[in-house]
ModelCIF file with pLDDT and N, C-alpha, C, O atoms, coordinates in Angstrom:
data_MODEL
#
_entry.id   MODEL 
#
_entity.id                         1 
_entity.type                       polymer 
_entity.pdbx_number_of_molecules   1 
#
_entity_poly.entity_id                      1 
_entity_poly.type                           'polypeptide(L)' 
_entity_poly.nstd_linkage                   no 
_entity_poly.nstd_monomer                   no 
_entity_poly.pdbx_seq_one_letter_code       
;(UNK)(UNK)(UNK)(UNK)(UNK)(UNK)(UNK)(UNK)(UNK)(UNK)(UNK)(UNK)(UNK)(UNK)(UNK)(UNK)
(UNK)(UNK)(UNK)(UNK)(UNK)(UNK)(UNK)(UNK)(UNK)(UNK)(UNK)(UNK)(UNK)(UNK)(UNK)(UNK)
(UNK)(UNK)(UNK)(UNK)(UNK)(UNK)(UNK)(UNK)(UNK)(UNK)(UNK)(UNK)
;
_entity_poly.pdbx_seq_one_letter_code_can   XXXXXXXXXXXXXXXXXXXXXXXXXXXXXXXXXXXXXXXXXXXX 
_entity_poly.pdbx_strand_id                 A 
#
loop_
_entity_poly_seq.entity_id 
_entity_poly_seq.num 
_entity_poly_seq.mon_id 
_entity_poly_seq.hetero 
1 1  UNK n 
1 2  UNK n 
1 3  UNK n 
1 4  UNK n 
1 5  UNK n 
1 6  UNK n 
1 7  UNK n 
1 8  UNK n 
1 9  UNK n 
1 10 UNK n 
1 11 UNK n 
1 12 UNK n 
1 13 UNK n 
1 14 UNK n 
1 15 UNK n 
1 16 UNK n 
1 17 UNK n 
1 18 UNK n 
1 19 UNK n 
1 20 UNK n 
1 21 UNK n 
1 22 UNK n 
1 23 UNK n 
1 24 UNK n 
1 25 UNK n 
1 26 UNK n 
1 27 UNK n 
1 28 UNK n 
1 29 UNK n 
1 30 UNK n 
1 31 UNK n 
1 32 UNK n 
1 33 UNK n 
1 34 UNK n 
1 35 UNK n 
1 36 UNK n 
1 37 UNK n 
1 38 UNK n 
1 39 UNK n 
1 40 UNK n 
1 41 UNK n 
1 42 UNK n 
1 43 UNK n 
1 44 UNK n 
#
_struct_asym.id          A 
_struct_asym.entity_id   1 
#
loop_
_ma_qa_metric.id 
_ma_qa_metric.mode 
_ma_qa_metric.name 
_ma_qa_metric.software_group_id 
_ma_qa_metric.type 
1 global pLDDT . pLDDT 
2 local  pLDDT . pLDDT 
#
_ma_qa_metric_global.metric_id      1 
_ma_qa_metric_global.metric_value   71.41 
_ma_qa_metric_global.model_id       1 
_ma_qa_metric_global.ordinal_id     1 
#
loop_
_ma_qa_metric_local.label_asym_id 
_ma_qa_metric_local.label_comp_id 
_ma_qa_metric_local.label_seq_id 
_ma_qa_metric_local.metric_id 
_ma_qa_metric_local.metric_value 
_ma_qa_metric_local.model_id 
_ma_qa_metric_local.ordinal_id 
A UNK 1  2 66.00 1 1  
A UNK 2  2 60.00 1 2  
A UNK 3  2 62.00 1 3  
A UNK 4  2 67.00 1 4  
A UNK 5  2 68.00 1 5  
A UNK 6  2 63.00 1 6  
A UNK 7  2 61.00 1 7  
A UNK 8  2 59.00 1 8  
A UNK 9  2 67.00 1 9  
A UNK 10 2 64.00 1 10 
A UNK 11 2 65.00 1 11 
A UNK 12 2 65.00 1 12 
A UNK 13 2 68.00 1 13 
A UNK 14 2 69.00 1 14 
A UNK 15 2 72.00 1 15 
A UNK 16 2 72.00 1 16 
A UNK 17 2 76.00 1 17 
A UNK 18 2 73.00 1 18 
A UNK 19 2 73.00 1 19 
A UNK 20 2 70.00 1 20 
A UNK 21 2 73.00 1 21 
A UNK 22 2 69.00 1 22 
A UNK 23 2 65.00 1 23 
A UNK 24 2 70.00 1 24 
A UNK 25 2 73.00 1 25 
A UNK 26 2 68.00 1 26 
A UNK 27 2 72.00 1 27 
A UNK 28 2 72.00 1 28 
A UNK 29 2 75.00 1 29 
A UNK 30 2 72.00 1 30 
A UNK 31 2 70.00 1 31 
A UNK 32 2 74.00 1 32 
A UNK 33 2 78.00 1 33 
A UNK 34 2 76.00 1 34 
A UNK 35 2 75.00 1 35 
A UNK 36 2 77.00 1 36 
A UNK 37 2 81.00 1 37 
A UNK 38 2 79.00 1 38 
A UNK 39 2 78.00 1 39 
A UNK 40 2 82.00 1 40 
A UNK 41 2 83.00 1 41 
A UNK 42 2 80.00 1 42 
A UNK 43 2 79.00 1 43 
A UNK 44 2 81.00 1 44 
#
loop_
_atom_site.group_PDB 
_atom_site.id 
_atom_site.type_symbol 
_atom_site.label_atom_id 
_atom_site.label_alt_id 
_atom_site.label_comp_id 
_atom_site.label_asym_id 
_atom_site.label_entity_id 
_atom_site.label_seq_id 
_atom_site.pdbx_PDB_ins_code 
_atom_site.Cartn_x 
_atom_site.Cartn_y 
_atom_site.Cartn_z 
_atom_site.occupancy 
_atom_site.B_iso_or_equiv 
_atom_site.pdbx_formal_charge 
_atom_site.auth_seq_id 
_atom_site.auth_comp_id 
_atom_site.auth_asym_id 
_atom_site.auth_atom_id 
_atom_site.pdbx_PDB_model_num 
ATOM 1   N N  . UNK A 1 1  ? 75.276  70.349  70.892 1.00 66.00 ? 1  UNK A N  1 
ATOM 2   C CA . UNK A 1 1  ? 76.167  68.904  71.158 1.00 66.00 ? 1  UNK A CA 1 
ATOM 3   C C  . UNK A 1 1  ? 77.368  69.473  71.683 1.00 66.00 ? 1  UNK A C  1 
ATOM 4   O O  . UNK A 1 1  ? 77.928  68.850  72.585 1.00 66.00 ? 1  UNK A O  1 
ATOM 5   N N  . UNK A 1 2  ? 77.883  70.587  71.264 1.00 60.00 ? 2  UNK A N  1 
ATOM 6   C CA . UNK A 1 2  ? 79.419  70.741  70.460 1.00 60.00 ? 2  UNK A CA 1 
ATOM 7   C C  . UNK A 1 2  ? 79.367  71.759  71.742 1.00 60.00 ? 2  UNK A C  1 
ATOM 8   O O  . UNK A 1 2  ? 80.094  71.568  72.717 1.00 60.00 ? 2  UNK A O  1 
ATOM 9   N N  . UNK A 1 3  ? 78.346  72.979  71.654 1.00 62.00 ? 3  UNK A N  1 
ATOM 10  C CA . UNK A 1 3  ? 77.974  73.980  72.075 1.00 62.00 ? 3  UNK A CA 1 
ATOM 11  C C  . UNK A 1 3  ? 77.974  74.155  74.155 1.00 62.00 ? 3  UNK A C  1 
ATOM 12  O O  . UNK A 1 3  ? 78.454  74.862  75.041 1.00 62.00 ? 3  UNK A O  1 
ATOM 13  N N  . UNK A 1 4  ? 77.124  73.018  73.974 1.00 67.00 ? 4  UNK A N  1 
ATOM 14  C CA . UNK A 1 4  ? 76.450  73.100  75.888 1.00 67.00 ? 4  UNK A CA 1 
ATOM 15  C C  . UNK A 1 4  ? 78.307  72.491  76.246 1.00 67.00 ? 4  UNK A C  1 
ATOM 16  O O  . UNK A 1 4  ? 78.977  73.105  77.076 1.00 67.00 ? 4  UNK A O  1 
ATOM 17  N N  . UNK A 1 5  ? 78.929  71.195  75.448 1.00 68.00 ? 5  UNK A N  1 
ATOM 18  C CA . UNK A 1 5  ? 80.331  70.679  76.382 1.00 68.00 ? 5  UNK A CA 1 
ATOM 19  C C  . UNK A 1 5  ? 81.359  72.264  75.887 1.00 68.00 ? 5  UNK A C  1 
ATOM 20  O O  . UNK A 1 5  ? 81.766  72.822  76.906 1.00 68.00 ? 5  UNK A O  1 
ATOM 21  N N  . UNK A 1 6  ? 81.700  72.840  74.848 1.00 63.00 ? 6  UNK A N  1 
ATOM 22  C CA . UNK A 1 6  ? 82.417  73.792  75.227 1.00 63.00 ? 6  UNK A CA 1 
ATOM 23  C C  . UNK A 1 6  ? 82.278  75.329  74.792 1.00 63.00 ? 6  UNK A C  1 
ATOM 24  O O  . UNK A 1 6  ? 83.023  76.288  74.593 1.00 63.00 ? 6  UNK A O  1 
ATOM 25  N N  . UNK A 1 7  ? 80.851  75.017  74.755 1.00 61.00 ? 7  UNK A N  1 
ATOM 26  C CA . UNK A 1 7  ? 80.868  76.592  74.663 1.00 61.00 ? 7  UNK A CA 1 
ATOM 27  C C  . UNK A 1 7  ? 81.438  77.613  76.088 1.00 61.00 ? 7  UNK A C  1 
ATOM 28  O O  . UNK A 1 7  ? 81.738  78.804  76.002 1.00 61.00 ? 7  UNK A O  1 
ATOM 29  N N  . UNK A 1 8  ? 81.459  77.180  76.741 1.00 59.00 ? 8  UNK A N  1 
ATOM 30  C CA . UNK A 1 8  ? 81.362  78.113  78.148 1.00 59.00 ? 8  UNK A CA 1 
ATOM 31  C C  . UNK A 1 8  ? 83.663  78.841  77.771 1.00 59.00 ? 8  UNK A C  1 
ATOM 32  O O  . UNK A 1 8  ? 84.212  79.849  78.214 1.00 59.00 ? 8  UNK A O  1 
ATOM 33  N N  . UNK A 1 9  ? 84.233  77.738  76.857 1.00 67.00 ? 9  UNK A N  1 
ATOM 34  C CA . UNK A 1 9  ? 85.399  77.778  76.853 1.00 67.00 ? 9  UNK A CA 1 
ATOM 35  C C  . UNK A 1 9  ? 85.112  79.042  76.042 1.00 67.00 ? 9  UNK A C  1 
ATOM 36  O O  . UNK A 1 9  ? 85.715  79.900  76.687 1.00 67.00 ? 9  UNK A O  1 
ATOM 37  N N  . UNK A 1 10 ? 84.334  79.876  74.623 1.00 64.00 ? 10 UNK A N  1 
ATOM 38  C CA . UNK A 1 10 ? 84.064  80.640  73.786 1.00 64.00 ? 10 UNK A CA 1 
ATOM 39  C C  . UNK A 1 10 ? 83.539  82.045  75.233 1.00 64.00 ? 10 UNK A C  1 
ATOM 40  O O  . UNK A 1 10 ? 84.175  83.090  75.371 1.00 64.00 ? 10 UNK A O  1 
ATOM 41  N N  . UNK A 1 11 ? 82.904  81.850  75.678 1.00 65.00 ? 11 UNK A N  1 
ATOM 42  C CA . UNK A 1 11 ? 82.282  82.525  76.921 1.00 65.00 ? 11 UNK A CA 1 
ATOM 43  C C  . UNK A 1 11 ? 83.448  83.092  78.142 1.00 65.00 ? 11 UNK A C  1 
ATOM 44  O O  . UNK A 1 11 ? 83.428  84.213  78.650 1.00 65.00 ? 11 UNK A O  1 
ATOM 45  N N  . UNK A 1 12 ? 84.448  81.982  78.443 1.00 65.00 ? 12 UNK A N  1 
ATOM 46  C CA . UNK A 1 12 ? 85.451  82.634  79.037 1.00 65.00 ? 12 UNK A CA 1 
ATOM 47  C C  . UNK A 1 12 ? 86.584  83.209  78.349 1.00 65.00 ? 12 UNK A C  1 
ATOM 48  O O  . UNK A 1 12 ? 87.207  84.007  79.049 1.00 65.00 ? 12 UNK A O  1 
ATOM 49  N N  . UNK A 1 13 ? 86.968  83.061  77.346 1.00 68.00 ? 13 UNK A N  1 
ATOM 50  C CA . UNK A 1 13 ? 87.365  83.637  76.432 1.00 68.00 ? 13 UNK A CA 1 
ATOM 51  C C  . UNK A 1 13 ? 87.232  85.178  76.002 1.00 68.00 ? 13 UNK A C  1 
ATOM 52  O O  . UNK A 1 13 ? 87.960  86.159  75.846 1.00 68.00 ? 13 UNK A O  1 
ATOM 53  N N  . UNK A 1 14 ? 85.970  84.846  75.909 1.00 69.00 ? 14 UNK A N  1 
ATOM 54  C CA . UNK A 1 14 ? 85.317  86.850  75.826 1.00 69.00 ? 14 UNK A CA 1 
ATOM 55  C C  . UNK A 1 14 ? 85.376  87.391  77.109 1.00 69.00 ? 14 UNK A C  1 
ATOM 56  O O  . UNK A 1 14 ? 84.908  88.526  77.023 1.00 69.00 ? 14 UNK A O  1 
ATOM 57  N N  . UNK A 1 15 ? 85.613  87.225  77.914 1.00 72.00 ? 15 UNK A N  1 
ATOM 58  C CA . UNK A 1 15 ? 85.384  87.530  79.271 1.00 72.00 ? 15 UNK A CA 1 
ATOM 59  C C  . UNK A 1 15 ? 87.256  87.737  79.608 1.00 72.00 ? 15 UNK A C  1 
ATOM 60  O O  . UNK A 1 15 ? 87.785  88.403  80.498 1.00 72.00 ? 15 UNK A O  1 
ATOM 61  N N  . UNK A 1 16 ? 87.670  87.200  78.921 1.00 72.00 ? 16 UNK A N  1 
ATOM 62  C CA . UNK A 1 16 ? 89.066  87.381  79.630 1.00 72.00 ? 16 UNK A CA 1 
ATOM 63  C C  . UNK A 1 16 ? 89.677  88.283  78.515 1.00 72.00 ? 16 UNK A C  1 
ATOM 64  O O  . UNK A 1 16 ? 90.702  88.864  78.872 1.00 72.00 ? 16 UNK A O  1 
ATOM 65  N N  . UNK A 1 17 ? 89.257  88.525  77.223 1.00 76.00 ? 17 UNK A N  1 
ATOM 66  C CA . UNK A 1 17 ? 89.277  89.827  76.203 1.00 76.00 ? 17 UNK A CA 1 
ATOM 67  C C  . UNK A 1 17 ? 89.020  90.933  76.956 1.00 76.00 ? 17 UNK A C  1 
ATOM 68  O O  . UNK A 1 17 ? 89.864  91.786  77.229 1.00 76.00 ? 17 UNK A O  1 
ATOM 69  N N  . UNK A 1 18 ? 87.479  90.948  77.423 1.00 73.00 ? 18 UNK A N  1 
ATOM 70  C CA . UNK A 1 18 ? 87.292  92.303  77.555 1.00 73.00 ? 18 UNK A CA 1 
ATOM 71  C C  . UNK A 1 18 ? 87.821  92.603  78.856 1.00 73.00 ? 18 UNK A C  1 
ATOM 72  O O  . UNK A 1 18 ? 88.301  93.726  79.006 1.00 73.00 ? 18 UNK A O  1 
ATOM 73  N N  . UNK A 1 19 ? 87.822  91.474  80.221 1.00 73.00 ? 19 UNK A N  1 
ATOM 74  C CA . UNK A 1 19 ? 88.282  92.015  81.497 1.00 73.00 ? 19 UNK A CA 1 
ATOM 75  C C  . UNK A 1 19 ? 90.203  92.707  80.905 1.00 73.00 ? 19 UNK A C  1 
ATOM 76  O O  . UNK A 1 19 ? 90.443  93.909  81.021 1.00 73.00 ? 19 UNK A O  1 
ATOM 77  N N  . UNK A 1 20 ? 91.290  91.729  80.338 1.00 70.00 ? 20 UNK A N  1 
ATOM 78  C CA . UNK A 1 20 ? 92.341  92.032  79.759 1.00 70.00 ? 20 UNK A CA 1 
ATOM 79  C C  . UNK A 1 20 ? 92.159  93.561  79.340 1.00 70.00 ? 20 UNK A C  1 
ATOM 80  O O  . UNK A 1 20 ? 92.856  94.413  79.891 1.00 70.00 ? 20 UNK A O  1 
ATOM 81  N N  . UNK A 1 21 ? 91.459  93.823  78.611 1.00 73.00 ? 21 UNK A N  1 
ATOM 82  C CA . UNK A 1 21 ? 90.943  95.340  78.045 1.00 73.00 ? 21 UNK A CA 1 
ATOM 83  C C  . UNK A 1 21 ? 91.327  95.918  78.651 1.00 73.00 ? 21 UNK A C  1 
ATOM 84  O O  . UNK A 1 21 ? 92.478  96.330  78.795 1.00 73.00 ? 21 UNK A O  1 
ATOM 85  N N  . UNK A 1 22 ? 90.131  96.136  79.320 1.00 69.00 ? 22 UNK A N  1 
ATOM 86  C CA . UNK A 1 22 ? 89.270  96.866  81.333 1.00 69.00 ? 22 UNK A CA 1 
ATOM 87  C C  . UNK A 1 22 ? 90.743  97.510  82.116 1.00 69.00 ? 22 UNK A C  1 
ATOM 88  O O  . UNK A 1 22 ? 91.188  98.629  82.371 1.00 69.00 ? 22 UNK A O  1 
ATOM 89  N N  . UNK A 1 23 ? 91.145  96.185  82.299 1.00 65.00 ? 23 UNK A N  1 
ATOM 90  C CA . UNK A 1 23 ? 92.695  96.490  83.124 1.00 65.00 ? 23 UNK A CA 1 
ATOM 91  C C  . UNK A 1 23 ? 93.571  97.165  82.606 1.00 65.00 ? 23 UNK A C  1 
ATOM 92  O O  . UNK A 1 23 ? 94.136  98.115  83.148 1.00 65.00 ? 23 UNK A O  1 
ATOM 93  N N  . UNK A 1 24 ? 93.814  96.661  81.282 1.00 70.00 ? 24 UNK A N  1 
ATOM 94  C CA . UNK A 1 24 ? 94.917  97.042  80.873 1.00 70.00 ? 24 UNK A CA 1 
ATOM 95  C C  . UNK A 1 24 ? 94.970  99.265  80.780 1.00 70.00 ? 24 UNK A C  1 
ATOM 96  O O  . UNK A 1 24 ? 95.856  100.101 80.954 1.00 70.00 ? 24 UNK A O  1 
ATOM 97  N N  . UNK A 1 25 ? 92.855  99.342  80.265 1.00 73.00 ? 25 UNK A N  1 
ATOM 98  C CA . UNK A 1 25 ? 92.761  100.485 80.310 1.00 73.00 ? 25 UNK A CA 1 
ATOM 99  C C  . UNK A 1 25 ? 92.837  101.182 81.824 1.00 73.00 ? 25 UNK A C  1 
ATOM 100 O O  . UNK A 1 25 ? 92.778  102.384 81.568 1.00 73.00 ? 25 UNK A O  1 
ATOM 101 N N  . UNK A 1 26 ? 92.889  101.106 82.578 1.00 68.00 ? 26 UNK A N  1 
ATOM 102 C CA . UNK A 1 26 ? 92.451  100.943 84.073 1.00 68.00 ? 26 UNK A CA 1 
ATOM 103 C C  . UNK A 1 26 ? 94.525  101.692 84.560 1.00 68.00 ? 26 UNK A C  1 
ATOM 104 O O  . UNK A 1 26 ? 94.951  102.751 85.021 1.00 68.00 ? 26 UNK A O  1 
ATOM 105 N N  . UNK A 1 27 ? 95.064  100.596 84.173 1.00 72.00 ? 27 UNK A N  1 
ATOM 106 C CA . UNK A 1 27 ? 96.248  101.023 84.638 1.00 72.00 ? 27 UNK A CA 1 
ATOM 107 C C  . UNK A 1 27 ? 97.438  101.854 83.691 1.00 72.00 ? 27 UNK A C  1 
ATOM 108 O O  . UNK A 1 27 ? 98.613  101.901 84.053 1.00 72.00 ? 27 UNK A O  1 
ATOM 109 N N  . UNK A 1 28 ? 97.061  102.339 82.735 1.00 72.00 ? 28 UNK A N  1 
ATOM 110 C CA . UNK A 1 28 ? 97.784  102.997 82.107 1.00 72.00 ? 28 UNK A CA 1 
ATOM 111 C C  . UNK A 1 28 ? 96.868  104.456 82.741 1.00 72.00 ? 28 UNK A C  1 
ATOM 112 O O  . UNK A 1 28 ? 97.453  105.168 83.558 1.00 72.00 ? 28 UNK A O  1 
ATOM 113 N N  . UNK A 1 29 ? 95.334  104.844 82.275 1.00 75.00 ? 29 UNK A N  1 
ATOM 114 C CA . UNK A 1 29 ? 95.242  105.874 83.183 1.00 75.00 ? 29 UNK A CA 1 
ATOM 115 C C  . UNK A 1 29 ? 95.809  106.236 84.534 1.00 75.00 ? 29 UNK A C  1 
ATOM 116 O O  . UNK A 1 29 ? 96.311  107.323 84.819 1.00 75.00 ? 29 UNK A O  1 
ATOM 117 N N  . UNK A 1 30 ? 95.630  104.909 85.550 1.00 72.00 ? 30 UNK A N  1 
ATOM 118 C CA . UNK A 1 30 ? 96.646  105.264 87.099 1.00 72.00 ? 30 UNK A CA 1 
ATOM 119 C C  . UNK A 1 30 ? 97.743  105.345 86.589 1.00 72.00 ? 30 UNK A C  1 
ATOM 120 O O  . UNK A 1 30 ? 98.153  106.326 87.210 1.00 72.00 ? 30 UNK A O  1 
ATOM 121 N N  . UNK A 1 31 ? 98.584  105.059 85.901 1.00 70.00 ? 31 UNK A N  1 
ATOM 122 C CA . UNK A 1 31 ? 100.159 105.526 85.762 1.00 70.00 ? 31 UNK A CA 1 
ATOM 123 C C  . UNK A 1 31 ? 100.389 106.831 85.381 1.00 70.00 ? 31 UNK A C  1 
ATOM 124 O O  . UNK A 1 31 ? 101.405 107.474 85.646 1.00 70.00 ? 31 UNK A O  1 
ATOM 125 N N  . UNK A 1 32 ? 98.987  107.393 84.462 1.00 74.00 ? 32 UNK A N  1 
ATOM 126 C CA . UNK A 1 32 ? 99.584  108.507 83.816 1.00 74.00 ? 32 UNK A CA 1 
ATOM 127 C C  . UNK A 1 32 ? 98.957  109.773 85.192 1.00 74.00 ? 32 UNK A C  1 
ATOM 128 O O  . UNK A 1 32 ? 99.386  110.905 85.417 1.00 74.00 ? 32 UNK A O  1 
ATOM 129 N N  . UNK A 1 33 ? 97.987  109.117 85.792 1.00 78.00 ? 33 UNK A N  1 
ATOM 130 C CA . UNK A 1 33 ? 97.147  109.838 86.759 1.00 78.00 ? 33 UNK A CA 1 
ATOM 131 C C  . UNK A 1 33 ? 98.480  110.392 87.647 1.00 78.00 ? 33 UNK A C  1 
ATOM 132 O O  . UNK A 1 33 ? 98.759  111.576 87.836 1.00 78.00 ? 33 UNK A O  1 
ATOM 133 N N  . UNK A 1 34 ? 99.271  109.136 88.170 1.00 76.00 ? 34 UNK A N  1 
ATOM 134 C CA . UNK A 1 34 ? 100.685 109.136 88.737 1.00 76.00 ? 34 UNK A CA 1 
ATOM 135 C C  . UNK A 1 34 ? 101.985 110.195 88.979 1.00 76.00 ? 34 UNK A C  1 
ATOM 136 O O  . UNK A 1 34 ? 102.719 110.790 89.768 1.00 76.00 ? 34 UNK A O  1 
ATOM 137 N N  . UNK A 1 35 ? 101.503 109.810 87.229 1.00 75.00 ? 35 UNK A N  1 
ATOM 138 C CA . UNK A 1 35 ? 103.398 110.741 86.854 1.00 75.00 ? 35 UNK A CA 1 
ATOM 139 C C  . UNK A 1 35 ? 102.802 111.910 86.812 1.00 75.00 ? 35 UNK A C  1 
ATOM 140 O O  . UNK A 1 35 ? 103.727 112.717 86.899 1.00 75.00 ? 35 UNK A O  1 
ATOM 141 N N  . UNK A 1 36 ? 101.649 112.584 86.717 1.00 77.00 ? 36 UNK A N  1 
ATOM 142 C CA . UNK A 1 36 ? 101.096 114.313 86.978 1.00 77.00 ? 36 UNK A CA 1 
ATOM 143 C C  . UNK A 1 36 ? 100.697 114.630 88.075 1.00 77.00 ? 36 UNK A C  1 
ATOM 144 O O  . UNK A 1 36 ? 100.414 115.747 88.508 1.00 77.00 ? 36 UNK A O  1 
ATOM 145 N N  . UNK A 1 37 ? 100.658 113.370 88.690 1.00 81.00 ? 37 UNK A N  1 
ATOM 146 C CA . UNK A 1 37 ? 100.879 114.372 90.380 1.00 81.00 ? 37 UNK A CA 1 
ATOM 147 C C  . UNK A 1 37 ? 101.842 114.288 90.917 1.00 81.00 ? 37 UNK A C  1 
ATOM 148 O O  . UNK A 1 37 ? 101.887 114.796 92.037 1.00 81.00 ? 37 UNK A O  1 
ATOM 149 N N  . UNK A 1 38 ? 103.058 113.613 90.378 1.00 79.00 ? 38 UNK A N  1 
ATOM 150 C CA . UNK A 1 38 ? 104.284 113.557 90.585 1.00 79.00 ? 38 UNK A CA 1 
ATOM 151 C C  . UNK A 1 38 ? 104.904 115.382 89.846 1.00 79.00 ? 38 UNK A C  1 
ATOM 152 O O  . UNK A 1 38 ? 105.224 116.499 90.251 1.00 79.00 ? 38 UNK A O  1 
ATOM 153 N N  . UNK A 1 39 ? 104.801 114.867 88.998 1.00 78.00 ? 39 UNK A N  1 
ATOM 154 C CA . UNK A 1 39 ? 105.333 116.493 88.474 1.00 78.00 ? 39 UNK A CA 1 
ATOM 155 C C  . UNK A 1 39 ? 104.264 117.508 88.769 1.00 78.00 ? 39 UNK A C  1 
ATOM 156 O O  . UNK A 1 39 ? 104.475 118.645 88.346 1.00 78.00 ? 39 UNK A O  1 
ATOM 157 N N  . UNK A 1 40 ? 103.581 117.368 89.173 1.00 82.00 ? 40 UNK A N  1 
ATOM 158 C CA . UNK A 1 40 ? 102.929 118.724 89.785 1.00 82.00 ? 40 UNK A CA 1 
ATOM 159 C C  . UNK A 1 40 ? 103.700 118.987 91.284 1.00 82.00 ? 40 UNK A C  1 
ATOM 160 O O  . UNK A 1 40 ? 104.335 120.021 91.489 1.00 82.00 ? 40 UNK A O  1 
ATOM 161 N N  . UNK A 1 41 ? 103.571 118.011 92.207 1.00 83.00 ? 41 UNK A N  1 
ATOM 162 C CA . UNK A 1 41 ? 104.641 118.203 92.930 1.00 83.00 ? 41 UNK A CA 1 
ATOM 163 C C  . UNK A 1 41 ? 105.858 118.607 92.882 1.00 83.00 ? 41 UNK A C  1 
ATOM 164 O O  . UNK A 1 41 ? 106.316 119.348 93.752 1.00 83.00 ? 41 UNK A O  1 
ATOM 165 N N  . UNK A 1 42 ? 106.567 118.172 91.844 1.00 80.00 ? 42 UNK A N  1 
ATOM 166 C CA . UNK A 1 42 ? 107.821 118.920 91.497 1.00 80.00 ? 42 UNK A CA 1 
ATOM 167 C C  . UNK A 1 42 ? 107.851 120.217 91.459 1.00 80.00 ? 42 UNK A C  1 
ATOM 168 O O  . UNK A 1 42 ? 108.484 121.015 92.150 1.00 80.00 ? 42 UNK A O  1 
ATOM 169 N N  . UNK A 1 43 ? 106.724 120.458 90.133 1.00 79.00 ? 43 UNK A N  1 
ATOM 170 C CA . UNK A 1 43 ? 106.541 122.133 89.448 1.00 79.00 ? 43 UNK A CA 1 
ATOM 171 C C  . UNK A 1 43 ? 106.722 123.041 90.899 1.00 79.00 ? 43 UNK A C  1 
ATOM 172 O O  . UNK A 1 43 ? 107.506 123.967 91.105 1.00 79.00 ? 43 UNK A O  1 
ATOM 173 N N  . UNK A 1 44 ? 105.690 122.424 91.842 1.00 81.00 ? 44 UNK A N  1 
ATOM 174 C CA . UNK A 1 44 ? 105.419 122.835 93.475 1.00 81.00 ? 44 UNK A CA 1 
ATOM 175 C C  . UNK A 1 44 ? 106.656 123.746 94.024 1.00 81.00 ? 44 UNK A C  1 
ATOM 176 O O  . UNK A 1 44 ? 106.657 124.151 95.186 1.00 81.00 ? 44 UNK A O  1 
#
């Protein structure tokens, strides 16, 4: 009964954790790529 009532909270928490981690890694990759592209432009 508790799982039927509150189980969605646990599922949502897992989704948020996984999604947040993925977003953080994507943002880091984007920042790194942006910095490298800027650096290449300066070197050129």
